[in-house]
ModelCIF file with pLDDT and N, C-alpha, C, O atoms, coordinates in Angstrom:
data_MODEL
#
_entry.id   MODEL 
#
_entity.id                         1 
_entity.type                       polymer 
_entity.pdbx_number_of_molecules   1 
#
_entity_poly.entity_id                      1 
_entity_poly.type                           'polypeptide(L)' 
_entity_poly.nstd_linkage                   no 
_entity_poly.nstd_monomer                   no 
_entity_poly.pdbx_seq_one_letter_code       
;(UNK)(UNK)(UNK)(UNK)(UNK)(UNK)(UNK)(UNK)(UNK)(UNK)(UNK)(UNK)(UNK)(UNK)(UNK)(UNK)
(UNK)(UNK)(UNK)(UNK)(UNK)(UNK)(UNK)(UNK)(UNK)(UNK)(UNK)(UNK)(UNK)(UNK)(UNK)(UNK)
(UNK)(UNK)(UNK)(UNK)(UNK)(UNK)(UNK)
;
_entity_poly.pdbx_seq_one_letter_code_can   XXXXXXXXXXXXXXXXXXXXXXXXXXXXXXXXXXXXXXX 
_entity_poly.pdbx_strand_id                 A 
#
loop_
_entity_poly_seq.entity_id 
_entity_poly_seq.num 
_entity_poly_seq.mon_id 
_entity_poly_seq.hetero 
1 1  UNK n 
1 2  UNK n 
1 3  UNK n 
1 4  UNK n 
1 5  UNK n 
1 6  UNK n 
1 7  UNK n 
1 8  UNK n 
1 9  UNK n 
1 10 UNK n 
1 11 UNK n 
1 12 UNK n 
1 13 UNK n 
1 14 UNK n 
1 15 UNK n 
1 16 UNK n 
1 17 UNK n 
1 18 UNK n 
1 19 UNK n 
1 20 UNK n 
1 21 UNK n 
1 22 UNK n 
1 23 UNK n 
1 24 UNK n 
1 25 UNK n 
1 26 UNK n 
1 27 UNK n 
1 28 UNK n 
1 29 UNK n 
1 30 UNK n 
1 31 UNK n 
1 32 UNK n 
1 33 UNK n 
1 34 UNK n 
1 35 UNK n 
1 36 UNK n 
1 37 UNK n 
1 38 UNK n 
1 39 UNK n 
#
_struct_asym.id          A 
_struct_asym.entity_id   1 
#
loop_
_ma_qa_metric.id 
_ma_qa_metric.mode 
_ma_qa_metric.name 
_ma_qa_metric.software_group_id 
_ma_qa_metric.type 
1 global pLDDT . pLDDT 
2 local  pLDDT . pLDDT 
#
_ma_qa_metric_global.metric_id      1 
_ma_qa_metric_global.metric_value   93.51 
_ma_qa_metric_global.model_id       1 
_ma_qa_metric_global.ordinal_id     1 
#
loop_
_ma_qa_metric_local.label_asym_id 
_ma_qa_metric_local.label_comp_id 
_ma_qa_metric_local.label_seq_id 
_ma_qa_metric_local.metric_id 
_ma_qa_metric_local.metric_value 
_ma_qa_metric_local.model_id 
_ma_qa_metric_local.ordinal_id 
A UNK 1  2 94.00 1 1  
A UNK 2  2 97.00 1 2  
A UNK 3  2 95.00 1 3  
A UNK 4  2 94.00 1 4  
A UNK 5  2 96.00 1 5  
A UNK 6  2 97.00 1 6  
A UNK 7  2 96.00 1 7  
A UNK 8  2 96.00 1 8  
A UNK 9  2 96.00 1 9  
A UNK 10 2 96.00 1 10 
A UNK 11 2 94.00 1 11 
A UNK 12 2 93.00 1 12 
A UNK 13 2 93.00 1 13 
A UNK 14 2 88.00 1 14 
A UNK 15 2 92.00 1 15 
A UNK 16 2 91.00 1 16 
A UNK 17 2 93.00 1 17 
A UNK 18 2 95.00 1 18 
A UNK 19 2 95.00 1 19 
A UNK 20 2 94.00 1 20 
A UNK 21 2 96.00 1 21 
A UNK 22 2 96.00 1 22 
A UNK 23 2 96.00 1 23 
A UNK 24 2 96.00 1 24 
A UNK 25 2 95.00 1 25 
A UNK 26 2 94.00 1 26 
A UNK 27 2 96.00 1 27 
A UNK 28 2 95.00 1 28 
A UNK 29 2 92.00 1 29 
A UNK 30 2 94.00 1 30 
A UNK 31 2 94.00 1 31 
A UNK 32 2 90.00 1 32 
A UNK 33 2 90.00 1 33 
A UNK 34 2 93.00 1 34 
A UNK 35 2 92.00 1 35 
A UNK 36 2 86.00 1 36 
A UNK 37 2 89.00 1 37 
A UNK 38 2 91.00 1 38 
A UNK 39 2 87.00 1 39 
#
loop_
_atom_site.group_PDB 
_atom_site.id 
_atom_site.type_symbol 
_atom_site.label_atom_id 
_atom_site.label_alt_id 
_atom_site.label_comp_id 
_atom_site.label_asym_id 
_atom_site.label_entity_id 
_atom_site.label_seq_id 
_atom_site.pdbx_PDB_ins_code 
_atom_site.Cartn_x 
_atom_site.Cartn_y 
_atom_site.Cartn_z 
_atom_site.occupancy 
_atom_site.B_iso_or_equiv 
_atom_site.pdbx_formal_charge 
_atom_site.auth_seq_id 
_atom_site.auth_comp_id 
_atom_site.auth_asym_id 
_atom_site.auth_atom_id 
_atom_site.pdbx_PDB_model_num 
ATOM 1   N N  . UNK A 1 1  ? 108.922 85.426 105.914 1.00 94.00 ? 1  UNK A N  1 
ATOM 2   C CA . UNK A 1 1  ? 110.171 85.056 105.199 1.00 94.00 ? 1  UNK A CA 1 
ATOM 3   C C  . UNK A 1 1  ? 111.458 85.729 105.698 1.00 94.00 ? 1  UNK A C  1 
ATOM 4   O O  . UNK A 1 1  ? 112.502 85.109 105.900 1.00 94.00 ? 1  UNK A O  1 
ATOM 5   N N  . UNK A 1 2  ? 111.296 87.071 105.884 1.00 97.00 ? 2  UNK A N  1 
ATOM 6   C CA . UNK A 1 2  ? 112.449 87.902 106.360 1.00 97.00 ? 2  UNK A CA 1 
ATOM 7   C C  . UNK A 1 2  ? 112.781 87.405 107.749 1.00 97.00 ? 2  UNK A C  1 
ATOM 8   O O  . UNK A 1 2  ? 113.958 87.160 108.009 1.00 97.00 ? 2  UNK A O  1 
ATOM 9   N N  . UNK A 1 3  ? 111.879 87.242 108.625 1.00 95.00 ? 3  UNK A N  1 
ATOM 10  C CA . UNK A 1 3  ? 112.009 86.799 109.947 1.00 95.00 ? 3  UNK A CA 1 
ATOM 11  C C  . UNK A 1 3  ? 112.702 85.429 110.067 1.00 95.00 ? 3  UNK A C  1 
ATOM 12  O O  . UNK A 1 3  ? 113.548 85.189 110.928 1.00 95.00 ? 3  UNK A O  1 
ATOM 13  N N  . UNK A 1 4  ? 112.252 84.488 109.075 1.00 94.00 ? 4  UNK A N  1 
ATOM 14  C CA . UNK A 1 4  ? 112.896 83.114 109.096 1.00 94.00 ? 4  UNK A CA 1 
ATOM 15  C C  . UNK A 1 4  ? 114.335 83.234 108.622 1.00 94.00 ? 4  UNK A C  1 
ATOM 16  O O  . UNK A 1 4  ? 115.206 82.536 109.141 1.00 94.00 ? 4  UNK A O  1 
ATOM 17  N N  . UNK A 1 5  ? 114.598 84.058 107.697 1.00 96.00 ? 5  UNK A N  1 
ATOM 18  C CA . UNK A 1 5  ? 115.941 84.144 107.175 1.00 96.00 ? 5  UNK A CA 1 
ATOM 19  C C  . UNK A 1 5  ? 116.909 84.842 108.344 1.00 96.00 ? 5  UNK A C  1 
ATOM 20  O O  . UNK A 1 5  ? 117.961 84.325 108.719 1.00 96.00 ? 5  UNK A O  1 
ATOM 21  N N  . UNK A 1 6  ? 116.455 85.920 108.783 1.00 97.00 ? 6  UNK A N  1 
ATOM 22  C CA . UNK A 1 6  ? 117.172 86.658 109.817 1.00 97.00 ? 6  UNK A CA 1 
ATOM 23  C C  . UNK A 1 6  ? 117.493 85.677 111.129 1.00 97.00 ? 6  UNK A C  1 
ATOM 24  O O  . UNK A 1 6  ? 118.615 85.530 111.614 1.00 97.00 ? 6  UNK A O  1 
ATOM 25  N N  . UNK A 1 7  ? 116.394 85.104 111.552 1.00 96.00 ? 7  UNK A N  1 
ATOM 26  C CA . UNK A 1 7  ? 116.622 84.231 112.724 1.00 96.00 ? 7  UNK A CA 1 
ATOM 27  C C  . UNK A 1 7  ? 117.392 82.930 112.513 1.00 96.00 ? 7  UNK A C  1 
ATOM 28  O O  . UNK A 1 7  ? 118.135 82.435 113.361 1.00 96.00 ? 7  UNK A O  1 
ATOM 29  N N  . UNK A 1 8  ? 117.154 82.434 111.331 1.00 96.00 ? 8  UNK A N  1 
ATOM 30  C CA . UNK A 1 8  ? 117.970 81.168 110.922 1.00 96.00 ? 8  UNK A CA 1 
ATOM 31  C C  . UNK A 1 8  ? 119.622 81.579 110.931 1.00 96.00 ? 8  UNK A C  1 
ATOM 32  O O  . UNK A 1 8  ? 120.470 80.857 111.455 1.00 96.00 ? 8  UNK A O  1 
ATOM 33  N N  . UNK A 1 9  ? 119.891 82.729 110.328 1.00 96.00 ? 9  UNK A N  1 
ATOM 34  C CA . UNK A 1 9  ? 121.203 83.167 110.175 1.00 96.00 ? 9  UNK A CA 1 
ATOM 35  C C  . UNK A 1 9  ? 121.752 83.347 111.704 1.00 96.00 ? 9  UNK A C  1 
ATOM 36  O O  . UNK A 1 9  ? 122.813 82.829 112.051 1.00 96.00 ? 9  UNK A O  1 
ATOM 37  N N  . UNK A 1 10 ? 120.984 84.086 112.547 1.00 96.00 ? 10 UNK A N  1 
ATOM 38  C CA . UNK A 1 10 ? 121.419 84.319 113.841 1.00 96.00 ? 10 UNK A CA 1 
ATOM 39  C C  . UNK A 1 10 ? 121.591 83.055 114.803 1.00 96.00 ? 10 UNK A C  1 
ATOM 40  O O  . UNK A 1 10 ? 122.448 83.022 115.686 1.00 96.00 ? 10 UNK A O  1 
ATOM 41  N N  . UNK A 1 11 ? 120.733 82.064 114.555 1.00 94.00 ? 11 UNK A N  1 
ATOM 42  C CA . UNK A 1 11 ? 120.849 80.820 115.141 1.00 94.00 ? 11 UNK A CA 1 
ATOM 43  C C  . UNK A 1 11 ? 122.199 80.088 114.718 1.00 94.00 ? 11 UNK A C  1 
ATOM 44  O O  . UNK A 1 11 ? 122.941 79.521 115.520 1.00 94.00 ? 11 UNK A O  1 
ATOM 45  N N  . UNK A 1 12 ? 122.408 80.177 113.374 1.00 93.00 ? 12 UNK A N  1 
ATOM 46  C CA . UNK A 1 12 ? 123.542 79.501 112.873 1.00 93.00 ? 12 UNK A CA 1 
ATOM 47  C C  . UNK A 1 12 ? 124.811 80.089 113.460 1.00 93.00 ? 12 UNK A C  1 
ATOM 48  O O  . UNK A 1 12 ? 125.787 79.380 113.709 1.00 93.00 ? 12 UNK A O  1 
ATOM 49  N N  . UNK A 1 13 ? 124.782 81.449 113.685 1.00 93.00 ? 13 UNK A N  1 
ATOM 50  C CA . UNK A 1 13 ? 125.932 82.117 114.184 1.00 93.00 ? 13 UNK A CA 1 
ATOM 51  C C  . UNK A 1 13 ? 126.061 81.956 115.824 1.00 93.00 ? 13 UNK A C  1 
ATOM 52  O O  . UNK A 1 13 ? 126.946 82.487 116.495 1.00 93.00 ? 13 UNK A O  1 
ATOM 53  N N  . UNK A 1 14 ? 125.021 81.131 116.326 1.00 88.00 ? 14 UNK A N  1 
ATOM 54  C CA . UNK A 1 14 ? 125.036 80.782 117.717 1.00 88.00 ? 14 UNK A CA 1 
ATOM 55  C C  . UNK A 1 14 ? 124.776 82.115 118.639 1.00 88.00 ? 14 UNK A C  1 
ATOM 56  O O  . UNK A 1 14 ? 125.271 82.177 119.764 1.00 88.00 ? 14 UNK A O  1 
ATOM 57  N N  . UNK A 1 15 ? 124.058 83.067 118.162 1.00 92.00 ? 15 UNK A N  1 
ATOM 58  C CA . UNK A 1 15 ? 123.761 84.174 118.950 1.00 92.00 ? 15 UNK A CA 1 
ATOM 59  C C  . UNK A 1 15 ? 122.734 83.804 120.055 1.00 92.00 ? 15 UNK A C  1 
ATOM 60  O O  . UNK A 1 15 ? 121.589 83.528 119.698 1.00 92.00 ? 15 UNK A O  1 
ATOM 61  N N  . UNK A 1 16 ? 123.057 83.780 121.346 1.00 91.00 ? 16 UNK A N  1 
ATOM 62  C CA . UNK A 1 16 ? 122.274 83.297 122.431 1.00 91.00 ? 16 UNK A CA 1 
ATOM 63  C C  . UNK A 1 16 ? 120.900 83.956 122.345 1.00 91.00 ? 16 UNK A C  1 
ATOM 64  O O  . UNK A 1 16 ? 119.910 83.244 122.516 1.00 91.00 ? 16 UNK A O  1 
ATOM 65  N N  . UNK A 1 17 ? 120.765 85.211 122.104 1.00 93.00 ? 17 UNK A N  1 
ATOM 66  C CA . UNK A 1 17 ? 119.568 86.012 122.090 1.00 93.00 ? 17 UNK A CA 1 
ATOM 67  C C  . UNK A 1 17 ? 118.543 85.490 121.071 1.00 93.00 ? 17 UNK A C  1 
ATOM 68  O O  . UNK A 1 17 ? 117.326 85.592 121.228 1.00 93.00 ? 17 UNK A O  1 
ATOM 69  N N  . UNK A 1 18 ? 119.136 84.929 120.024 1.00 95.00 ? 18 UNK A N  1 
ATOM 70  C CA . UNK A 1 18 ? 118.369 84.433 118.817 1.00 95.00 ? 18 UNK A CA 1 
ATOM 71  C C  . UNK A 1 18 ? 117.445 83.264 119.177 1.00 95.00 ? 18 UNK A C  1 
ATOM 72  O O  . UNK A 1 18 ? 116.382 83.065 118.588 1.00 95.00 ? 18 UNK A O  1 
ATOM 73  N N  . UNK A 1 19 ? 117.921 82.478 120.207 1.00 95.00 ? 19 UNK A N  1 
ATOM 74  C CA . UNK A 1 19 ? 117.111 81.288 120.488 1.00 95.00 ? 19 UNK A CA 1 
ATOM 75  C C  . UNK A 1 19 ? 115.815 81.761 121.118 1.00 95.00 ? 19 UNK A C  1 
ATOM 76  O O  . UNK A 1 19 ? 114.743 81.312 120.713 1.00 95.00 ? 19 UNK A O  1 
ATOM 77  N N  . UNK A 1 20 ? 115.880 82.643 122.085 1.00 94.00 ? 20 UNK A N  1 
ATOM 78  C CA . UNK A 1 20 ? 114.705 83.211 122.715 1.00 94.00 ? 20 UNK A CA 1 
ATOM 79  C C  . UNK A 1 20 ? 113.821 83.986 121.758 1.00 94.00 ? 20 UNK A C  1 
ATOM 80  O O  . UNK A 1 20 ? 112.593 83.923 121.822 1.00 94.00 ? 20 UNK A O  1 
ATOM 81  N N  . UNK A 1 21 ? 114.488 84.731 120.854 1.00 96.00 ? 21 UNK A N  1 
ATOM 82  C CA . UNK A 1 21 ? 113.729 85.619 119.908 1.00 96.00 ? 21 UNK A CA 1 
ATOM 83  C C  . UNK A 1 21 ? 113.075 84.643 118.861 1.00 96.00 ? 21 UNK A C  1 
ATOM 84  O O  . UNK A 1 21 ? 111.953 84.932 118.446 1.00 96.00 ? 21 UNK A O  1 
ATOM 85  N N  . UNK A 1 22 ? 113.673 83.562 118.428 1.00 96.00 ? 22 UNK A N  1 
ATOM 86  C CA . UNK A 1 22 ? 113.158 82.558 117.517 1.00 96.00 ? 22 UNK A CA 1 
ATOM 87  C C  . UNK A 1 22 ? 111.867 81.960 118.157 1.00 96.00 ? 22 UNK A C  1 
ATOM 88  O O  . UNK A 1 22 ? 110.831 81.955 117.492 1.00 96.00 ? 22 UNK A O  1 
ATOM 89  N N  . UNK A 1 23 ? 111.890 81.478 119.367 1.00 96.00 ? 23 UNK A N  1 
ATOM 90  C CA . UNK A 1 23 ? 110.813 80.917 120.059 1.00 96.00 ? 23 UNK A CA 1 
ATOM 91  C C  . UNK A 1 23 ? 109.683 81.942 120.156 1.00 96.00 ? 23 UNK A C  1 
ATOM 92  O O  . UNK A 1 23 ? 108.544 81.600 119.837 1.00 96.00 ? 23 UNK A O  1 
ATOM 93  N N  . UNK A 1 24 ? 109.919 83.082 120.547 1.00 96.00 ? 24 UNK A N  1 
ATOM 94  C CA . UNK A 1 24 ? 108.962 84.056 120.685 1.00 96.00 ? 24 UNK A CA 1 
ATOM 95  C C  . UNK A 1 24 ? 108.237 84.420 119.465 1.00 96.00 ? 24 UNK A C  1 
ATOM 96  O O  . UNK A 1 24 ? 107.015 84.561 119.520 1.00 96.00 ? 24 UNK A O  1 
ATOM 97  N N  . UNK A 1 25 ? 108.968 84.610 118.213 1.00 95.00 ? 25 UNK A N  1 
ATOM 98  C CA . UNK A 1 25 ? 108.373 84.864 117.007 1.00 95.00 ? 25 UNK A CA 1 
ATOM 99  C C  . UNK A 1 25 ? 107.539 83.731 116.558 1.00 95.00 ? 25 UNK A C  1 
ATOM 100 O O  . UNK A 1 25 ? 106.434 83.936 116.054 1.00 95.00 ? 25 UNK A O  1 
ATOM 101 N N  . UNK A 1 26 ? 108.070 82.421 116.735 1.00 94.00 ? 26 UNK A N  1 
ATOM 102 C CA . UNK A 1 26 ? 107.357 81.395 116.256 1.00 94.00 ? 26 UNK A CA 1 
ATOM 103 C C  . UNK A 1 26 ? 106.036 81.154 117.101 1.00 94.00 ? 26 UNK A C  1 
ATOM 104 O O  . UNK A 1 26 ? 105.006 80.760 116.553 1.00 94.00 ? 26 UNK A O  1 
ATOM 105 N N  . UNK A 1 27 ? 106.110 81.393 118.371 1.00 96.00 ? 27 UNK A N  1 
ATOM 106 C CA . UNK A 1 27 ? 104.803 81.183 119.196 1.00 96.00 ? 27 UNK A CA 1 
ATOM 107 C C  . UNK A 1 27 ? 103.756 82.216 118.639 1.00 96.00 ? 27 UNK A C  1 
ATOM 108 O O  . UNK A 1 27 ? 102.585 81.882 118.463 1.00 96.00 ? 27 UNK A O  1 
ATOM 109 N N  . UNK A 1 28 ? 104.186 83.397 118.387 1.00 95.00 ? 28 UNK A N  1 
ATOM 110 C CA . UNK A 1 28 ? 103.277 84.444 117.799 1.00 95.00 ? 28 UNK A CA 1 
ATOM 111 C C  . UNK A 1 28 ? 102.538 83.874 116.545 1.00 95.00 ? 28 UNK A C  1 
ATOM 112 O O  . UNK A 1 28 ? 101.317 83.779 116.425 1.00 95.00 ? 28 UNK A O  1 
ATOM 113 N N  . UNK A 1 29 ? 103.490 83.510 115.628 1.00 92.00 ? 29 UNK A N  1 
ATOM 114 C CA . UNK A 1 29 ? 102.925 82.982 114.340 1.00 92.00 ? 29 UNK A CA 1 
ATOM 115 C C  . UNK A 1 29 ? 102.094 81.780 114.534 1.00 92.00 ? 29 UNK A C  1 
ATOM 116 O O  . UNK A 1 29 ? 101.056 81.667 113.882 1.00 92.00 ? 29 UNK A O  1 
ATOM 117 N N  . UNK A 1 30 ? 102.462 80.862 115.383 1.00 94.00 ? 30 UNK A N  1 
ATOM 118 C CA . UNK A 1 30 ? 101.650 79.688 115.790 1.00 94.00 ? 30 UNK A CA 1 
ATOM 119 C C  . UNK A 1 30 ? 100.251 80.045 116.305 1.00 94.00 ? 30 UNK A C  1 
ATOM 120 O O  . UNK A 1 30 ? 99.278  79.397 115.918 1.00 94.00 ? 30 UNK A O  1 
ATOM 121 N N  . UNK A 1 31 ? 100.133 81.036 117.147 1.00 94.00 ? 31 UNK A N  1 
ATOM 122 C CA . UNK A 1 31 ? 98.778  81.581 117.569 1.00 94.00 ? 31 UNK A CA 1 
ATOM 123 C C  . UNK A 1 31 ? 98.031  81.906 116.309 1.00 94.00 ? 31 UNK A C  1 
ATOM 124 O O  . UNK A 1 31 ? 96.889  81.459 116.202 1.00 94.00 ? 31 UNK A O  1 
ATOM 125 N N  . UNK A 1 32 ? 98.534  82.620 115.359 1.00 90.00 ? 32 UNK A N  1 
ATOM 126 C CA . UNK A 1 32 ? 97.883  83.056 114.154 1.00 90.00 ? 32 UNK A CA 1 
ATOM 127 C C  . UNK A 1 32 ? 97.484  81.894 113.272 1.00 90.00 ? 32 UNK A C  1 
ATOM 128 O O  . UNK A 1 32 ? 96.397  81.855 112.696 1.00 90.00 ? 32 UNK A O  1 
ATOM 129 N N  . UNK A 1 33 ? 98.471  80.883 113.182 1.00 90.00 ? 33 UNK A N  1 
ATOM 130 C CA . UNK A 1 33 ? 98.259  79.785 112.311 1.00 90.00 ? 33 UNK A CA 1 
ATOM 131 C C  . UNK A 1 33 ? 97.130  78.859 112.957 1.00 90.00 ? 33 UNK A C  1 
ATOM 132 O O  . UNK A 1 33 ? 96.374  78.276 112.180 1.00 90.00 ? 33 UNK A O  1 
ATOM 133 N N  . UNK A 1 34 ? 96.971  78.691 114.322 1.00 93.00 ? 34 UNK A N  1 
ATOM 134 C CA . UNK A 1 34 ? 95.855  78.004 114.925 1.00 93.00 ? 34 UNK A CA 1 
ATOM 135 C C  . UNK A 1 34 ? 94.612  78.718 114.710 1.00 93.00 ? 34 UNK A C  1 
ATOM 136 O O  . UNK A 1 34 ? 93.579  78.087 114.487 1.00 93.00 ? 34 UNK A O  1 
ATOM 137 N N  . UNK A 1 35 ? 94.629  79.938 114.756 1.00 92.00 ? 35 UNK A N  1 
ATOM 138 C CA . UNK A 1 35 ? 93.354  80.829 114.464 1.00 92.00 ? 35 UNK A CA 1 
ATOM 139 C C  . UNK A 1 35 ? 92.962  80.485 113.020 1.00 92.00 ? 35 UNK A C  1 
ATOM 140 O O  . UNK A 1 35 ? 91.766  80.334 112.773 1.00 92.00 ? 35 UNK A O  1 
ATOM 141 N N  . UNK A 1 36 ? 93.904  80.346 112.017 1.00 86.00 ? 36 UNK A N  1 
ATOM 142 C CA . UNK A 1 36 ? 93.490  80.087 110.705 1.00 86.00 ? 36 UNK A CA 1 
ATOM 143 C C  . UNK A 1 36 ? 93.061  78.650 110.452 1.00 86.00 ? 36 UNK A C  1 
ATOM 144 O O  . UNK A 1 36 ? 92.233  78.392 109.578 1.00 86.00 ? 36 UNK A O  1 
ATOM 145 N N  . UNK A 1 37 ? 93.602  77.743 111.187 1.00 89.00 ? 37 UNK A N  1 
ATOM 146 C CA . UNK A 1 37 ? 93.332  76.371 111.189 1.00 89.00 ? 37 UNK A CA 1 
ATOM 147 C C  . UNK A 1 37 ? 91.796  76.202 111.639 1.00 89.00 ? 37 UNK A C  1 
ATOM 148 O O  . UNK A 1 37 ? 91.019  75.447 111.054 1.00 89.00 ? 37 UNK A O  1 
ATOM 149 N N  . UNK A 1 38 ? 91.483  76.920 112.646 1.00 91.00 ? 38 UNK A N  1 
ATOM 150 C CA . UNK A 1 38 ? 90.187  76.775 113.217 1.00 91.00 ? 38 UNK A CA 1 
ATOM 151 C C  . UNK A 1 38 ? 89.127  77.271 112.241 1.00 91.00 ? 38 UNK A C  1 
ATOM 152 O O  . UNK A 1 38 ? 88.046  76.698 112.103 1.00 91.00 ? 38 UNK A O  1 
ATOM 153 N N  . UNK A 1 39 ? 89.500  78.397 111.550 1.00 87.00 ? 39 UNK A N  1 
ATOM 154 C CA . UNK A 1 39 ? 88.634  78.929 110.541 1.00 87.00 ? 39 UNK A CA 1 
ATOM 155 C C  . UNK A 1 39 ? 88.445  78.179 109.283 1.00 87.00 ? 39 UNK A C  1 
ATOM 156 O O  . UNK A 1 39 ? 87.704  78.622 108.405 1.00 87.00 ? 39 UNK A O  1 
#
């Protein structure tokens, strides 16, 4: 939740680094989510 809030605010402020950070964080969470989906 805190990551979603922080990154959403940074994207809204058009911080160029936030785009890559958002993608990176989301990919990490997706790997975990896929693991949970398989289980």
